[in-house]
Amino acid sequence: MRAATVAWHSLRHLPVPLQLASLAGWLLAVMADYNGPLASLCLTYAPDAGATMARISVAFDNASPLLLLSWFCMLLAMMPPLLGSPLRHVWQGSLPSRRLHAVAQFLWGYAAVWCVAGLALVPISLLFFGLFAERDLLRICLGVAIALAWQRTPMKRNSLRLCRARPVVAEFDSKAEGDPLRFGATHGIWCVGSCWGMMLVPLLAPGFLHTATMVLITFAAVVERGPAASWANWPSTRSVWGGAR
C-alpha cells in the first residue's frame, strides 16, 4: 500500500514537460483504441490449421503499420512517468548551456531502443491475435501469464536493478557529447529487459481494455521502480528554460 501511495505521489508531481508528453500519448492512444487497428481486428475463430494461418496472414497484412503507430502512442503515454529520475540525473550532470541538448540525446537513445523492441513485440501480438481470434480474455490472460513468469526470472531482477543505475555524465570534452546518448540507450535496454512482458499485455487487449491495461501497467511499473522513478527536486519549468540560455 505504501508503494502505491508513493507511486501516486510521484505521478501527481510529474514535471510539466513530461506531463504534457504523457497526456498527448494518452489522448492519441484513446483515439486509436476506438478507430485504430485493435478495434478493427475482427477475425473469426476456426479450429483448423489452414484457417489459423489465414487469420495470422490477415492480421499482419491489415494491422501491422497501424499497430506500430499504436505502439508509439503507448510509449509516449507510458514512458514519461518512468523518466523523471534519469532525466534529472542528466540535467544535473550537464553544463547549463548543454542541458537541453543532453536531455534530447538521452531521449533519442531511449526511444530508439523501445522502437526496436516494438518491432519484436508488435509481430508477437499479431500472432496472438491470429491464433486466438475472438478470444480476448484468453489472449489477455496469456499475456499476463507471460509477464508474471518473466517477473520471477533472474534476468528480470537484474534488468530492474540496472534500470536504477546512474552512470556519470561527463560535462566536458568529447564524452559530454556522447554520454547522454549512451546513457539513454543503455537505460532503454535495461528498461526493455525489465518491462517487455508487461508491455505485451496492452498489445493483446482490444478496444477500451487496451487503455485499461495501459493504465494498470503504467502504475505497476512506477510502483516497481520505487524511489528510482522519483522526480523530487526536479527544477521548475521556469528554471529549465532559464538555465538553458
C-alpha atoms as a PDB file:
ATOM      1  CA  MET A   1       0.000   0.000   0.000  1.00  0.00           C
ATOM      2  CA  ARG A   2       2.851   2.382   0.808  1.00  0.00           C
ATOM      3  CA  ALA A   3       4.424   1.696  -2.602  1.00  0.00           C
ATOM      4  CA  ALA A   4       1.154   2.578  -4.335  1.00  0.00           C
ATOM      5  CA  THR A   5       0.936   5.813  -2.316  1.00  0.00           C
ATOM      6  CA  VAL A   6       4.487   6.763  -3.284  1.00  0.00           C
ATOM      7  CA  ALA A   7       3.739   5.986  -6.921  1.00  0.00           C
ATOM      8  CA  TRP A   8       0.597   8.123  -6.911  1.00  0.00           C
ATOM      9  CA  HIS A   9       2.508  10.980  -5.263  1.00  0.00           C
ATOM     10  CA  SER A  10       5.182  10.707  -7.949  1.00  0.00           C
ATOM     11  CA  LEU A  11       2.638  10.740 -10.763  1.00  0.00           C
ATOM     12  CA  ARG A  12       0.957  13.832  -9.334  1.00  0.00           C
ATOM     13  CA  HIS A  13       4.289  15.684  -9.227  1.00  0.00           C
ATOM     14  CA  LEU A  14       5.450  14.755 -12.722  1.00  0.00           C
ATOM     15  CA  PRO A  15       7.282  17.725 -14.303  1.00  0.00           C
ATOM     16  CA  VAL A  16       5.161  19.760 -16.698  1.00  0.00           C
ATOM     17  CA  PRO A  17       7.047  18.802 -19.918  1.00  0.00           C
ATOM     18  CA  LEU A  18       6.654  15.109 -19.088  1.00  0.00           C
ATOM     19  CA  GLN A  19       3.027  15.643 -18.108  1.00  0.00           C
ATOM     20  CA  LEU A  20       2.259  17.207 -21.490  1.00  0.00           C
ATOM     21  CA  ALA A  21       4.079  14.472 -23.409  1.00  0.00           C
ATOM     22  CA  SER A  22       2.294  11.748 -21.481  1.00  0.00           C
ATOM     23  CA  LEU A  23      -1.083  13.461 -21.868  1.00  0.00           C
ATOM     24  CA  ALA A  24      -0.613  13.682 -25.635  1.00  0.00           C
ATOM     25  CA  GLY A  25       0.244   9.985 -25.714  1.00  0.00           C
ATOM     26  CA  TRP A  26      -2.854   9.054 -23.702  1.00  0.00           C
ATOM     27  CA  LEU A  27      -5.125  11.106 -25.948  1.00  0.00           C
ATOM     28  CA  LEU A  28      -3.677   9.518 -29.072  1.00  0.00           C
ATOM     29  CA  ALA A  29      -3.904   6.048 -27.525  1.00  0.00           C
ATOM     30  CA  VAL A  30      -7.576   6.516 -26.618  1.00  0.00           C
ATOM     31  CA  MET A  31      -8.344   7.733 -30.137  1.00  0.00           C
ATOM     32  CA  ALA A  32      -6.524   4.738 -31.591  1.00  0.00           C
ATOM     33  CA  ASP A  33      -8.467   2.342 -29.368  1.00  0.00           C
ATOM     34  CA  TYR A  34     -11.766   3.287 -30.987  1.00  0.00           C
ATOM     35  CA  ASN A  35     -10.570   3.965 -34.527  1.00  0.00           C
ATOM     36  CA  GLY A  36      -7.361   2.027 -34.894  1.00  0.00           C
ATOM     37  CA  PRO A  37      -6.069  -1.492 -35.555  1.00  0.00           C
ATOM     38  CA  LEU A  38      -7.032  -3.124 -32.268  1.00  0.00           C
ATOM     39  CA  ALA A  39     -10.636  -2.114 -32.733  1.00  0.00           C
ATOM     40  CA  SER A  40     -10.706  -3.297 -36.342  1.00  0.00           C
ATOM     41  CA  LEU A  41      -9.077  -6.700 -35.879  1.00  0.00           C
ATOM     42  CA  CYS A  42     -12.327  -8.637 -36.127  1.00  0.00           C
ATOM     43  CA  LEU A  43     -11.243 -12.145 -37.024  1.00  0.00           C
ATOM     44  CA  THR A  44     -13.411 -15.230 -36.912  1.00  0.00           C
ATOM     45  CA  TYR A  45     -12.220 -18.197 -34.904  1.00  0.00           C
ATOM     46  CA  ALA A  46     -11.875 -21.550 -36.646  1.00  0.00           C
ATOM     47  CA  PRO A  47     -10.044 -24.587 -35.263  1.00  0.00           C
ATOM     48  CA  ASP A  48      -8.233 -25.909 -38.351  1.00  0.00           C
ATOM     49  CA  ALA A  49      -4.634 -25.012 -39.111  1.00  0.00           C
ATOM     50  CA  GLY A  50      -5.372 -23.553 -42.563  1.00  0.00           C
ATOM     51  CA  ALA A  51      -7.864 -21.061 -41.161  1.00  0.00           C
ATOM     52  CA  THR A  52      -5.447 -20.157 -38.368  1.00  0.00           C
ATOM     53  CA  MET A  53      -2.692 -19.354 -40.849  1.00  0.00           C
ATOM     54  CA  ALA A  54      -5.146 -17.310 -42.905  1.00  0.00           C
ATOM     55  CA  ARG A  55      -6.138 -15.271 -39.830  1.00  0.00           C
ATOM     56  CA  ILE A  56      -2.491 -14.660 -38.972  1.00  0.00           C
ATOM     57  CA  SER A  57      -1.825 -13.507 -42.530  1.00  0.00           C
ATOM     58  CA  VAL A  58      -4.822 -11.142 -42.445  1.00  0.00           C
ATOM     59  CA  ALA A  59      -3.703  -9.727 -39.101  1.00  0.00           C
ATOM     60  CA  PHE A  60      -0.206  -8.980 -40.400  1.00  0.00           C
ATOM     61  CA  ASP A  61      -1.416  -7.576 -43.723  1.00  0.00           C
ATOM     62  CA  ASN A  62      -4.109  -5.292 -42.310  1.00  0.00           C
ATOM     63  CA  ALA A  63      -2.815  -4.116 -38.962  1.00  0.00           C
ATOM     64  CA  SER A  64       0.998  -4.126 -38.865  1.00  0.00           C
ATOM     65  CA  PRO A  65       1.679  -0.436 -39.740  1.00  0.00           C
ATOM     66  CA  LEU A  66      -1.234   0.866 -37.668  1.00  0.00           C
ATOM     67  CA  LEU A  67      -0.332  -1.307 -34.696  1.00  0.00           C
ATOM     68  CA  LEU A  68       3.209   0.078 -34.831  1.00  0.00           C
ATOM     69  CA  LEU A  69       1.666   3.554 -34.658  1.00  0.00           C
ATOM     70  CA  SER A  70      -0.386   2.405 -31.669  1.00  0.00           C
ATOM     71  CA  TRP A  71       2.878   1.180 -30.108  1.00  0.00           C
ATOM     72  CA  PHE A  72       4.420   4.647 -30.466  1.00  0.00           C
ATOM     73  CA  CYS A  73       1.350   6.147 -28.755  1.00  0.00           C
ATOM     74  CA  MET A  74       1.793   3.639 -25.928  1.00  0.00           C
ATOM     75  CA  LEU A  75       5.414   4.664 -25.483  1.00  0.00           C
ATOM     76  CA  LEU A  76       4.554   8.364 -25.439  1.00  0.00           C
ATOM     77  CA  ALA A  77       1.844   7.775 -22.832  1.00  0.00           C
ATOM     78  CA  MET A  78       3.541   5.246 -20.552  1.00  0.00           C
ATOM     79  CA  MET A  79       7.244   6.094 -20.551  1.00  0.00           C
ATOM     80  CA  PRO A  80       7.351   9.709 -19.217  1.00  0.00           C
ATOM     81  CA  PRO A  81       6.302   8.659 -15.673  1.00  0.00           C
ATOM     82  CA  LEU A  82       9.388   6.417 -15.558  1.00  0.00           C
ATOM     83  CA  LEU A  83      11.891   9.012 -16.766  1.00  0.00           C
ATOM     84  CA  GLY A  84      11.875  11.649 -14.033  1.00  0.00           C
ATOM     85  CA  SER A  85      14.899  10.355 -12.144  1.00  0.00           C
ATOM     86  CA  PRO A  86      17.209   9.548 -15.106  1.00  0.00           C
ATOM     87  CA  LEU A  87      16.358  12.842 -16.816  1.00  0.00           C
ATOM     88  CA  ARG A  88      17.080  14.734 -13.603  1.00  0.00           C
ATOM     89  CA  HIS A  89      20.413  12.904 -13.438  1.00  0.00           C
ATOM     90  CA  VAL A  90      21.276  14.009 -16.983  1.00  0.00           C
ATOM     91  CA  TRP A  91      20.089  17.560 -16.290  1.00  0.00           C
ATOM     92  CA  GLN A  92      22.071  17.989 -13.100  1.00  0.00           C
ATOM     93  CA  GLY A  93      25.186  16.346 -14.563  1.00  0.00           C
ATOM     94  CA  SER A  94      25.378  18.631 -17.616  1.00  0.00           C
ATOM     95  CA  LEU A  95      26.568  22.191 -18.047  1.00  0.00           C
ATOM     96  CA  PRO A  96      23.719  24.739 -18.092  1.00  0.00           C
ATOM     97  CA  SER A  97      24.386  25.591 -21.729  1.00  0.00           C
ATOM     98  CA  ARG A  98      24.171  21.911 -22.752  1.00  0.00           C
ATOM     99  CA  ARG A  99      21.290  20.664 -20.627  1.00  0.00           C
ATOM    100  CA  LEU A 100      18.533  20.676 -23.239  1.00  0.00           C
ATOM    101  CA  HIS A 101      20.871  19.085 -25.763  1.00  0.00           C
ATOM    102  CA  ALA A 102      21.850  16.387 -23.269  1.00  0.00           C
ATOM    103  CA  VAL A 103      18.206  15.641 -22.407  1.00  0.00           C
ATOM    104  CA  ALA A 104      17.375  15.390 -26.127  1.00  0.00           C
ATOM    105  CA  GLN A 105      20.248  12.941 -26.630  1.00  0.00           C
ATOM    106  CA  PHE A 106      19.102  10.785 -23.736  1.00  0.00           C
ATOM    107  CA  LEU A 107      15.533  10.687 -25.054  1.00  0.00           C
ATOM    108  CA  TRP A 108      16.725   9.833 -28.556  1.00  0.00           C
ATOM    109  CA  GLY A 109      18.759   6.860 -27.333  1.00  0.00           C
ATOM    110  CA  TYR A 110      15.988   5.668 -25.016  1.00  0.00           C
ATOM    111  CA  ALA A 111      13.231   5.966 -27.624  1.00  0.00           C
ATOM    112  CA  ALA A 112      15.300   4.235 -30.294  1.00  0.00           C
ATOM    113  CA  VAL A 113      15.698   1.129 -28.126  1.00  0.00           C
ATOM    114  CA  TRP A 114      11.972   0.945 -27.382  1.00  0.00           C
ATOM    115  CA  CYS A 115      11.120   1.418 -31.073  1.00  0.00           C
ATOM    116  CA  VAL A 116      13.325  -1.562 -31.913  1.00  0.00           C
ATOM    117  CA  ALA A 117      11.630  -3.543 -29.139  1.00  0.00           C
ATOM    118  CA  GLY A 118       8.300  -2.731 -30.774  1.00  0.00           C
ATOM    119  CA  LEU A 119       9.478  -4.414 -33.964  1.00  0.00           C
ATOM    120  CA  ALA A 120       9.532  -7.656 -31.964  1.00  0.00           C
ATOM    121  CA  LEU A 121       6.550  -7.185 -29.643  1.00  0.00           C
ATOM    122  CA  VAL A 122       4.086  -5.996 -32.306  1.00  0.00           C
ATOM    123  CA  PRO A 123       4.514  -9.114 -34.504  1.00  0.00           C
ATOM    124  CA  ILE A 124       4.152 -11.285 -31.393  1.00  0.00           C
ATOM    125  CA  SER A 125       0.876  -9.561 -30.550  1.00  0.00           C
ATOM    126  CA  LEU A 126      -0.379 -10.006 -34.122  1.00  0.00           C
ATOM    127  CA  LEU A 127       0.475 -13.691 -33.916  1.00  0.00           C
ATOM    128  CA  PHE A 128      -1.632 -13.951 -30.752  1.00  0.00           C
ATOM    129  CA  PHE A 129      -4.500 -12.126 -32.466  1.00  0.00           C
ATOM    130  CA  GLY A 130      -4.351 -14.640 -35.303  1.00  0.00           C
ATOM    131  CA  LEU A 131      -4.122 -17.683 -33.047  1.00  0.00           C
ATOM    132  CA  PHE A 132      -6.806 -16.603 -30.581  1.00  0.00           C
ATOM    133  CA  ALA A 133      -9.321 -14.653 -32.643  1.00  0.00           C
ATOM    134  CA  GLU A 134     -12.499 -13.681 -30.762  1.00  0.00           C
ATOM    135  CA  ARG A 135     -10.905 -14.914 -27.519  1.00  0.00           C
ATOM    136  CA  ASP A 136      -9.958 -11.590 -25.970  1.00  0.00           C
ATOM    137  CA  LEU A 137      -9.916 -12.779 -22.366  1.00  0.00           C
ATOM    138  CA  LEU A 138      -7.737 -15.786 -23.200  1.00  0.00           C
ATOM    139  CA  ARG A 139      -5.287 -13.561 -25.087  1.00  0.00           C
ATOM    140  CA  ILE A 140      -5.032 -11.121 -22.196  1.00  0.00           C
ATOM    141  CA  CYS A 141      -4.640 -13.933 -19.642  1.00  0.00           C
ATOM    142  CA  LEU A 142      -1.818 -15.435 -21.688  1.00  0.00           C
ATOM    143  CA  GLY A 143      -0.123 -12.041 -21.814  1.00  0.00           C
ATOM    144  CA  VAL A 144      -0.476 -11.650 -18.051  1.00  0.00           C
ATOM    145  CA  ALA A 145       0.922 -15.166 -17.537  1.00  0.00           C
ATOM    146  CA  ILE A 146       3.955 -14.325 -19.696  1.00  0.00           C
ATOM    147  CA  ALA A 147       4.508 -11.068 -17.789  1.00  0.00           C
ATOM    148  CA  LEU A 148       4.220 -12.771 -14.392  1.00  0.00           C
ATOM    149  CA  ALA A 149       6.549 -15.584 -15.444  1.00  0.00           C
ATOM    150  CA  TRP A 150       9.149 -13.047 -16.594  1.00  0.00           C
ATOM    151  CA  GLN A 151       8.801 -11.139 -13.313  1.00  0.00           C
ATOM    152  CA  ARG A 152      10.227 -14.141 -11.457  1.00  0.00           C
ATOM    153  CA  THR A 153      13.329 -14.612 -13.612  1.00  0.00           C
ATOM    154  CA  PRO A 154      16.863 -13.521 -12.604  1.00  0.00           C
ATOM    155  CA  MET A 155      17.150 -11.591 -15.888  1.00  0.00           C
ATOM    156  CA  LYS A 156      14.140  -9.503 -14.942  1.00  0.00           C
ATOM    157  CA  ARG A 157      15.535  -8.729 -11.488  1.00  0.00           C
ATOM    158  CA  ASN A 158      18.938  -7.869 -12.926  1.00  0.00           C
ATOM    159  CA  SER A 159      17.375  -5.584 -15.553  1.00  0.00           C
ATOM    160  CA  LEU A 160      15.336  -3.791 -12.889  1.00  0.00           C
ATOM    161  CA  ARG A 161      18.453  -3.317 -10.759  1.00  0.00           C
ATOM    162  CA  LEU A 162      20.368  -1.860 -13.698  1.00  0.00           C
ATOM    163  CA  CYS A 163      17.436   0.438 -14.506  1.00  0.00           C
ATOM    164  CA  ARG A 164      18.245   2.159 -11.230  1.00  0.00           C
ATOM    165  CA  ALA A 165      21.916   2.708 -12.135  1.00  0.00           C
ATOM    166  CA  ARG A 166      23.006   6.307 -12.720  1.00  0.00           C
ATOM    167  CA  PRO A 167      26.357   6.469 -14.560  1.00  0.00           C
ATOM    168  CA  VAL A 168      28.465   9.615 -14.519  1.00  0.00           C
ATOM    169  CA  VAL A 169      27.564  12.016 -17.336  1.00  0.00           C
ATOM    170  CA  ALA A 170      30.655  13.926 -18.471  1.00  0.00           C
ATOM    171  CA  GLU A 171      30.454  17.717 -18.532  1.00  0.00           C
ATOM    172  CA  PHE A 172      33.471  18.402 -20.759  1.00  0.00           C
ATOM    173  CA  ASP A 173      35.429  17.029 -23.728  1.00  0.00           C
ATOM    174  CA  SER A 174      34.072  14.633 -26.328  1.00  0.00           C
ATOM    175  CA  LYS A 175      32.381  12.432 -23.700  1.00  0.00           C
ATOM    176  CA  ALA A 176      29.957  15.241 -22.910  1.00  0.00           C
ATOM    177  CA  GLU A 177      28.601  14.839 -26.438  1.00  0.00           C
ATOM    178  CA  GLY A 178      28.052  11.083 -26.302  1.00  0.00           C
ATOM    179  CA  ASP A 179      27.448  10.204 -22.656  1.00  0.00           C
ATOM    180  CA  PRO A 180      23.737  11.214 -22.540  1.00  0.00           C
ATOM    181  CA  LEU A 181      23.033   9.253 -25.729  1.00  0.00           C
ATOM    182  CA  ARG A 182      24.817   6.183 -24.366  1.00  0.00           C
ATOM    183  CA  PHE A 183      23.025   6.512 -21.045  1.00  0.00           C
ATOM    184  CA  GLY A 184      19.669   6.802 -22.818  1.00  0.00           C
ATOM    185  CA  ALA A 185      20.310   3.731 -24.959  1.00  0.00           C
ATOM    186  CA  THR A 186      21.656   1.698 -22.037  1.00  0.00           C
ATOM    187  CA  HIS A 187      18.790   2.734 -19.784  1.00  0.00           C
ATOM    188  CA  GLY A 188      16.383   1.819 -22.575  1.00  0.00           C
ATOM    189  CA  ILE A 189      17.910  -1.650 -22.942  1.00  0.00           C
ATOM    190  CA  TRP A 190      17.510  -2.415 -19.248  1.00  0.00           C
ATOM    191  CA  CYS A 191      14.045  -0.874 -19.223  1.00  0.00           C
ATOM    192  CA  VAL A 192      13.024  -3.173 -22.090  1.00  0.00           C
ATOM    193  CA  GLY A 193      14.535  -6.097 -20.231  1.00  0.00           C
ATOM    194  CA  SER A 194      12.504  -5.202 -17.171  1.00  0.00           C
ATOM    195  CA  CYS A 195       9.186  -4.211 -18.783  1.00  0.00           C
ATOM    196  CA  TRP A 196       8.761  -6.057 -22.098  1.00  0.00           C
ATOM    197  CA  GLY A 197       6.445  -8.669 -20.578  1.00  0.00           C
ATOM    198  CA  MET A 198       4.203  -6.042 -19.042  1.00  0.00           C
ATOM    199  CA  MET A 199       4.155  -4.010 -22.271  1.00  0.00           C
ATOM    200  CA  LEU A 200       2.950  -7.055 -24.191  1.00  0.00           C
ATOM    201  CA  VAL A 201      -0.304  -7.175 -22.200  1.00  0.00           C
ATOM    202  CA  PRO A 202      -1.874  -3.959 -23.607  1.00  0.00           C
ATOM    203  CA  LEU A 203      -0.917  -5.022 -27.117  1.00  0.00           C
ATOM    204  CA  LEU A 204      -3.078  -8.121 -26.679  1.00  0.00           C
ATOM    205  CA  ALA A 205      -6.115  -6.190 -25.402  1.00  0.00           C
ATOM    206  CA  PRO A 206      -8.609  -4.647 -27.868  1.00  0.00           C
ATOM    207  CA  GLY A 207     -10.717  -1.517 -27.505  1.00  0.00           C
ATOM    208  CA  PHE A 208     -11.197   0.028 -24.072  1.00  0.00           C
ATOM    209  CA  LEU A 209      -9.346  -2.914 -22.493  1.00  0.00           C
ATOM    210  CA  HIS A 210      -6.221  -1.655 -24.248  1.00  0.00           C
ATOM    211  CA  THR A 211      -6.433   1.681 -22.402  1.00  0.00           C
ATOM    212  CA  ALA A 212      -7.367  -0.003 -19.115  1.00  0.00           C
ATOM    213  CA  THR A 213      -4.370  -2.341 -19.225  1.00  0.00           C
ATOM    214  CA  MET A 214      -2.096   0.562 -20.168  1.00  0.00           C
ATOM    215  CA  VAL A 215      -3.189   2.407 -17.014  1.00  0.00           C
ATOM    216  CA  LEU A 216      -2.615  -0.643 -14.814  1.00  0.00           C
ATOM    217  CA  ILE A 217       0.777  -1.455 -16.343  1.00  0.00           C
ATOM    218  CA  THR A 218       1.982   2.151 -16.040  1.00  0.00           C
ATOM    219  CA  PHE A 219       1.038   2.249 -12.370  1.00  0.00           C
ATOM    220  CA  ALA A 220       2.655  -1.161 -11.762  1.00  0.00           C
ATOM    221  CA  ALA A 221       5.886  -0.056 -13.460  1.00  0.00           C
ATOM    222  CA  VAL A 222       6.079   3.119 -11.341  1.00  0.00           C
ATOM    223  CA  VAL A 223       5.449   1.111  -8.162  1.00  0.00           C
ATOM    224  CA  GLU A 224       8.110  -1.396  -9.197  1.00  0.00           C
ATOM    225  CA  ARG A 225      10.740   1.285  -9.786  1.00  0.00           C
ATOM    226  CA  GLY A 226      10.078   2.783  -6.362  1.00  0.00           C
ATOM    227  CA  PRO A 227      12.496   5.614  -5.499  1.00  0.00           C
ATOM    228  CA  ALA A 228      14.182   5.190  -8.890  1.00  0.00           C
ATOM    229  CA  ALA A 229      11.097   6.699 -10.544  1.00  0.00           C
ATOM    230  CA  SER A 230      11.015   9.706  -8.222  1.00  0.00           C
ATOM    231  CA  TRP A 231      11.446  13.198  -9.638  1.00  0.00           C
ATOM    232  CA  ALA A 232      11.747  15.072  -6.347  1.00  0.00           C
ATOM    233  CA  ASN A 233      13.838  18.227  -6.683  1.00  0.00           C
ATOM    234  CA  TRP A 234      13.240  18.378 -10.433  1.00  0.00           C
ATOM    235  CA  PRO A 235      13.806  22.041 -11.429  1.00  0.00           C
ATOM    236  CA  SER A 236      10.742  24.141 -12.133  1.00  0.00           C
ATOM    237  CA  THR A 237       9.670  24.719 -15.740  1.00  0.00           C
ATOM    238  CA  ARG A 238      10.874  28.299 -15.486  1.00  0.00           C
ATOM    239  CA  SER A 239      14.334  27.239 -14.308  1.00  0.00           C
ATOM    240  CA  VAL A 240      14.525  24.598 -17.035  1.00  0.00           C
ATOM    241  CA  TRP A 241      14.203  27.180 -19.784  1.00  0.00           C
ATOM    242  CA  GLY A 242      16.122  29.835 -17.933  1.00  0.00           C
ATOM    243  CA  GLY A 243      19.096  27.565 -17.246  1.00  0.00           C
ATOM    244  CA  ALA A 244      19.387  26.622 -20.894  1.00  0.00           C
ATOM    245  CA  ARG A 245      20.133  30.139 -22.039  1.00  0.00           C
END
